[in-house]
Amino acid sequence: MTQLSLSSAKRVSDNTWGLRDDRLLPLRRVLTASAVAFAGALSSPVGAATLEFDFDAPIDPEDAVVFELPSGEFSTPHVSGGVLTLSDDLSPDQGGAVSIGFLPFGVDASDVIVDVVANATGGTQDRVLLLARLDLETGAAYSAGVDFSTMELVLSRTEANGVETLATSLSAGLSNDEAYQLRFSVFDNLLALQVFSLSGELLDSIAVTDDDNAPLGAGGVGIAIDQSGAPGSGAFVLNATFDDLAVTAVPLPASGWLFAAGLGFLMRTRAIKRVRRLA
């Protein structure tokens, strides 16, 4: 397992994950695609978590950092009251961040499950994202998110030449006044996002196979907030809270079984249209 360091993060921050300003930045563009219904859940995480943060104490900058786009700046995570807060003082329209993320070090995984309590204190209007197979050098990553303004679930693939939205689905039952546990599962080329109540009830889910591309390679994980896709969202500062982040790297035999079970369901139910936009 490759251990990233704060110094390595700083080295790539000068060129914003290796992307030029005239290219599509990771986690920034909002795309649309056909709604995909995925009723049912993949199995619970296999084995003990590889990495956990309860945000009850300050985060050592050797363990994780906060990144901001488009500036590419890195800073120490802000933890208070038992939650992680990602926020900016300026709105995107005022030159503030369009994306802010929390990047833990020490994870280099291919098949992985990322769990977090999102919108922990309520009130966010942003798109909340979970990241997997993240490559800081190129900006490549898989992401799964909930837009708390439009109430969309979104699964995407980001590379240096653009963002491809793999699937979207409206979720009318969610509220930006409530906290939810989000689970992002990535097995081979199968991506799944599940939304649970804090009592453990499955509220909604979306899944897709990235079968038009070679799967992204092993990489890091993270959580982030992005400017919402709602009209006028650039006037609002980014602000969201998180709690209880857990990352579970899934062993290959177990992930193969989960992948087969999940893919079988998808092949019976899904109808997906993909949209790709390049810079």
Protein backbone atom coordinates (compact mmCIF):
# COMPACT_ATOMS: atom_id res chain seq x y z
CA MET A 1 0.00 0.00 0.00
CA THR A 2 1.42 3.35 -1.00
CA GLN A 3 1.56 5.96 1.74
CA LEU A 4 1.01 9.46 0.40
CA SER A 5 2.52 12.39 2.24
CA LEU A 6 1.72 16.03 2.81
CA SER A 7 4.79 17.00 0.84
CA SER A 8 3.67 14.98 -2.20
CA ALA A 9 0.27 16.67 -2.04
CA LYS A 10 1.91 20.09 -2.03
CA ARG A 11 4.02 19.23 -5.05
CA VAL A 12 0.97 18.58 -7.23
CA SER A 13 -1.13 21.41 -5.80
CA ASP A 14 0.67 24.01 -7.92
CA ASN A 15 -0.89 22.71 -11.13
CA THR A 16 -4.32 21.78 -9.73
CA TRP A 17 -4.05 17.98 -9.94
CA GLY A 18 -2.10 18.27 -13.20
CA LEU A 19 -4.98 19.99 -15.05
CA ARG A 20 -4.59 23.22 -16.98
CA ASP A 21 -7.01 26.03 -16.20
CA ASP A 22 -8.50 25.71 -19.69
CA ARG A 23 -9.46 22.10 -19.08
CA LEU A 24 -12.42 20.68 -17.27
CA LEU A 25 -11.64 20.60 -13.56
CA PRO A 26 -12.47 17.52 -11.50
CA LEU A 27 -15.77 17.63 -9.63
CA ARG A 28 -16.86 20.86 -11.29
CA ARG A 29 -19.06 20.36 -14.33
CA VAL A 30 -22.63 19.25 -13.89
CA LEU A 31 -23.96 16.90 -16.56
CA THR A 32 -27.31 15.19 -17.07
CA ALA A 33 -28.24 11.66 -18.07
CA SER A 34 -31.24 9.34 -17.99
CA ALA A 35 -32.51 8.39 -14.55
CA VAL A 36 -31.49 4.95 -13.33
CA ALA A 37 -33.45 3.05 -10.67
CA PHE A 38 -31.52 0.58 -8.56
CA ALA A 39 -33.76 -0.91 -5.84
CA GLY A 40 -31.96 -3.06 -3.31
CA ALA A 41 -28.55 -2.94 -1.70
CA LEU A 42 -25.16 -4.55 -2.04
CA SER A 43 -23.91 -6.45 0.97
CA SER A 44 -22.42 -4.70 3.98
CA PRO A 45 -18.68 -3.93 4.03
CA VAL A 46 -16.48 -7.01 4.29
CA GLY A 47 -14.15 -7.10 7.28
CA ALA A 48 -12.85 -4.24 9.40
CA ALA A 49 -12.49 -0.73 8.01
CA THR A 50 -9.11 0.10 6.52
CA LEU A 51 -9.36 3.71 7.69
CA GLU A 52 -11.74 5.56 10.03
CA PHE A 53 -12.30 9.17 11.11
CA ASP A 54 -14.90 10.05 13.75
CA PHE A 55 -13.96 13.76 13.72
CA ASP A 56 -14.10 13.96 17.50
CA ALA A 57 -10.56 15.36 17.65
CA PRO A 58 -8.35 17.55 15.42
CA ILE A 59 -6.93 15.84 12.32
CA ASP A 60 -3.16 15.54 12.04
CA PRO A 61 -2.11 17.05 8.66
CA GLU A 62 0.06 13.96 8.18
CA ASP A 63 -3.16 11.90 8.13
CA ALA A 64 -5.35 14.02 5.85
CA VAL A 65 -5.64 17.42 4.21
CA VAL A 66 -8.35 19.61 2.72
CA PHE A 67 -8.01 20.55 -0.95
CA GLU A 68 -9.74 23.36 -2.83
CA LEU A 69 -10.45 23.88 -6.53
CA PRO A 70 -9.76 25.75 -8.73
CA SER A 71 -6.96 27.22 -6.59
CA GLY A 72 -5.33 23.84 -5.89
CA GLU A 73 -4.58 24.96 -2.32
CA PHE A 74 -4.22 22.47 0.54
CA SER A 75 -5.00 23.22 4.19
CA THR A 76 -5.56 21.58 7.58
CA PRO A 77 -9.03 20.03 8.05
CA HIS A 78 -11.45 22.02 10.23
CA VAL A 79 -13.01 19.82 12.90
CA SER A 80 -15.31 21.20 15.61
CA GLY A 81 -18.30 19.88 17.55
CA GLY A 82 -17.62 16.33 16.43
CA VAL A 83 -17.98 17.03 12.70
CA LEU A 84 -15.78 17.93 9.74
CA THR A 85 -16.75 21.20 8.05
CA LEU A 86 -15.86 21.96 4.44
CA SER A 87 -16.62 25.58 3.59
CA ASP A 88 -15.43 28.79 1.96
CA ASP A 89 -15.96 32.47 2.75
CA LEU A 90 -16.66 33.44 -0.86
CA SER A 91 -19.21 32.07 -3.32
CA PRO A 92 -18.10 30.67 -6.69
CA ASP A 93 -19.47 33.83 -8.35
CA GLN A 94 -17.17 35.89 -6.11
CA GLY A 95 -14.12 33.80 -7.00
CA GLY A 96 -14.50 31.29 -4.18
CA ALA A 97 -14.13 27.52 -4.35
CA VAL A 98 -16.21 25.42 -6.72
CA SER A 99 -15.02 22.23 -5.00
CA ILE A 100 -13.60 21.50 -1.55
CA GLY A 101 -12.56 18.04 -0.43
CA PHE A 102 -11.12 16.01 2.42
CA LEU A 103 -8.32 13.68 1.34
CA PRO A 104 -7.11 10.96 3.74
CA PHE A 105 -3.61 9.59 3.20
CA GLY A 106 -2.60 5.95 3.35
CA VAL A 107 -5.21 4.39 1.06
CA ASP A 108 -4.35 2.95 -2.35
CA ALA A 109 -7.24 0.66 -3.22
CA SER A 110 -9.08 -0.67 -6.25
CA ASP A 111 -12.16 -2.43 -4.83
CA VAL A 112 -13.34 -0.25 -1.97
CA ILE A 113 -16.35 0.88 0.06
CA VAL A 114 -16.52 4.45 1.36
CA ASP A 115 -19.07 5.28 4.09
CA VAL A 116 -19.77 8.73 5.55
CA VAL A 117 -22.52 10.64 7.32
CA ALA A 118 -23.20 13.59 5.00
CA ASN A 119 -24.99 16.84 5.79
CA ALA A 120 -24.34 15.96 9.43
CA THR A 121 -25.73 19.21 10.86
CA GLY A 122 -28.15 19.89 8.01
CA GLY A 123 -28.60 22.86 5.70
CA THR A 124 -26.19 22.20 2.85
CA GLN A 125 -27.20 23.28 -0.66
CA ASP A 126 -24.18 21.71 -2.33
CA ARG A 127 -23.41 18.52 -4.19
CA VAL A 128 -21.81 16.10 -1.72
CA LEU A 129 -19.35 13.63 -3.26
CA LEU A 130 -17.52 10.45 -2.30
CA LEU A 131 -14.34 9.71 -4.26
CA ALA A 132 -12.60 6.44 -5.09
CA ARG A 133 -9.57 5.42 -7.20
CA LEU A 134 -8.40 9.03 -6.98
CA ASP A 135 -5.15 9.91 -8.79
CA LEU A 136 -3.83 13.30 -7.66
CA GLU A 137 -1.38 13.52 -10.52
CA THR A 138 -4.00 13.28 -13.27
CA GLY A 139 -7.26 14.13 -11.49
CA ALA A 140 -8.77 10.78 -12.48
CA ALA A 141 -11.40 9.44 -10.08
CA TYR A 142 -14.77 7.80 -9.72
CA SER A 143 -17.28 9.89 -7.77
CA ALA A 144 -20.74 9.33 -6.31
CA GLY A 145 -22.82 12.15 -4.97
CA VAL A 146 -26.06 13.69 -3.80
CA ASP A 147 -26.97 17.18 -4.97
CA PHE A 148 -28.82 18.68 -2.01
CA SER A 149 -30.38 21.44 -4.14
CA THR A 150 -31.66 19.38 -7.06
CA MET A 151 -31.97 16.12 -5.07
CA GLU A 152 -30.13 14.14 -7.73
CA LEU A 153 -27.98 11.08 -7.20
CA VAL A 154 -24.99 11.09 -9.57
CA LEU A 155 -22.26 8.61 -10.54
CA SER A 156 -19.36 10.01 -12.59
CA ARG A 157 -15.92 9.26 -13.98
CA THR A 158 -13.33 12.06 -14.17
CA GLU A 159 -10.17 12.07 -16.24
CA ALA A 160 -7.80 14.78 -17.43
CA ASN A 161 -9.76 15.33 -20.65
CA GLY A 162 -13.21 15.62 -19.11
CA VAL A 163 -15.99 14.33 -16.92
CA GLU A 164 -18.38 11.58 -17.96
CA THR A 165 -21.65 11.28 -16.07
CA LEU A 166 -22.36 7.56 -15.94
CA ALA A 167 -25.81 7.71 -14.33
CA THR A 168 -28.18 10.10 -12.58
CA SER A 169 -31.45 9.66 -10.73
CA LEU A 170 -33.86 12.04 -9.02
CA SER A 171 -34.56 11.31 -5.36
CA ALA A 172 -37.62 13.25 -4.24
CA GLY A 173 -37.67 11.74 -0.75
CA LEU A 174 -34.46 13.38 0.47
CA SER A 175 -34.20 16.71 2.32
CA ASN A 176 -31.32 19.10 2.89
CA ASP A 177 -32.49 19.43 6.51
CA GLU A 178 -31.56 15.80 7.22
CA ALA A 179 -28.31 13.90 7.68
CA TYR A 180 -27.79 10.68 5.72
CA GLN A 181 -25.28 7.87 5.61
CA LEU A 182 -23.87 7.55 2.11
CA ARG A 183 -22.11 4.42 0.89
CA PHE A 184 -20.06 4.35 -2.32
CA SER A 185 -19.04 0.85 -3.45
CA VAL A 186 -16.58 0.28 -6.29
CA PHE A 187 -15.88 -3.27 -7.49
CA ASP A 188 -14.02 -3.70 -10.78
CA ASN A 189 -16.18 -1.57 -13.12
CA LEU A 190 -19.36 -1.63 -10.99
CA LEU A 191 -20.19 1.59 -9.11
CA ALA A 192 -23.03 1.87 -6.60
CA LEU A 193 -24.25 4.68 -4.33
CA GLN A 194 -26.63 3.91 -1.48
CA VAL A 195 -28.38 6.44 0.75
CA PHE A 196 -29.41 5.33 4.24
CA SER A 197 -31.22 7.05 7.09
CA LEU A 198 -29.18 7.30 10.28
CA SER A 199 -31.29 4.42 11.63
CA GLY A 200 -30.01 2.20 8.80
CA GLU A 201 -33.03 2.20 6.46
CA LEU A 202 -32.12 2.13 2.76
CA LEU A 203 -33.79 5.20 1.22
CA ASP A 204 -32.45 5.24 -2.32
CA SER A 205 -29.68 3.86 -4.52
CA ILE A 206 -28.15 4.09 -7.97
CA ALA A 207 -25.66 1.85 -9.74
CA VAL A 208 -23.95 1.49 -13.09
CA THR A 209 -21.21 -0.50 -14.81
CA ASP A 210 -18.46 1.55 -16.45
CA ASP A 211 -18.33 -0.84 -19.38
CA ASP A 212 -17.43 1.65 -22.12
CA ASN A 213 -13.97 2.24 -20.61
CA ALA A 214 -11.14 0.35 -18.98
CA PRO A 215 -11.71 0.61 -15.21
CA LEU A 216 -9.64 3.21 -13.40
CA GLY A 217 -6.67 1.84 -11.51
CA ALA A 218 -6.19 1.70 -7.76
CA GLY A 219 -5.98 5.06 -6.01
CA GLY A 220 -6.95 7.18 -3.06
CA VAL A 221 -10.34 8.03 -1.58
CA GLY A 222 -11.98 11.17 -0.28
CA ILE A 223 -15.13 13.17 0.37
CA ALA A 224 -15.90 16.51 -1.22
CA ILE A 225 -18.48 19.20 -1.85
CA ASP A 226 -19.10 20.70 -5.27
CA GLN A 227 -21.18 23.59 -6.53
CA SER A 228 -24.76 22.41 -7.04
CA GLY A 229 -26.24 22.03 -10.48
CA ALA A 230 -29.22 24.19 -9.50
CA PRO A 231 -29.66 27.53 -11.32
CA GLY A 232 -28.09 30.40 -9.39
CA SER A 233 -26.04 28.11 -7.15
CA GLY A 234 -22.90 30.12 -7.88
CA ALA A 235 -24.20 32.83 -5.55
CA PHE A 236 -24.02 30.54 -2.51
CA VAL A 237 -20.84 29.70 -0.60
CA LEU A 238 -19.91 26.04 -0.34
CA ASN A 239 -20.65 24.67 3.12
CA ALA A 240 -21.33 21.14 4.36
CA THR A 241 -20.58 18.95 7.38
CA PHE A 242 -19.58 15.29 7.68
CA ASP A 243 -19.19 12.65 10.38
CA ASP A 244 -17.99 9.05 10.75
CA LEU A 245 -15.95 8.44 7.61
CA ALA A 246 -14.96 4.78 7.09
CA VAL A 247 -13.01 3.31 4.19
CA THR A 248 -12.97 -0.45 3.61
CA ALA A 249 -10.65 -2.00 1.05
CA VAL A 250 -12.44 -5.19 -0.06
CA PRO A 251 -10.42 -8.38 -0.65
CA LEU A 252 -10.58 -9.69 -4.22
CA PRO A 253 -12.61 -12.90 -3.54
CA ALA A 254 -15.23 -10.97 -1.60
CA SER A 255 -15.40 -8.14 -4.12
CA GLY A 256 -15.83 -10.62 -6.95
CA TRP A 257 -18.84 -12.15 -5.22
CA LEU A 258 -20.36 -8.73 -4.52
CA PHE A 259 -19.69 -7.63 -8.08
CA ALA A 260 -21.40 -10.70 -9.53
CA ALA A 261 -24.47 -10.27 -7.32
CA GLY A 262 -24.78 -6.56 -8.05
CA LEU A 263 -24.15 -6.89 -11.78
CA GLY A 264 -26.77 -9.60 -12.12
CA PHE A 265 -29.39 -7.26 -10.69
CA LEU A 266 -28.30 -4.39 -12.89
CA MET A 267 -28.48 -6.43 -16.08
CA ARG A 268 -32.14 -7.22 -15.33
CA THR A 269 -33.20 -3.67 -14.55
CA ARG A 270 -31.06 -0.89 -15.92
CA ALA A 271 -31.49 1.37 -18.94
CA ILE A 272 -28.64 3.86 -19.02
CA LYS A 273 -27.69 6.72 -21.27
CA ARG A 274 -24.21 8.14 -20.86
CA VAL A 275 -23.12 11.69 -21.59
CA ARG A 276 -19.50 12.73 -22.14
CA ARG A 277 -18.22 16.26 -22.33
CA LEU A 278 -14.64 17.09 -23.09
CA ALA A 279 -12.79 20.32 -22.51
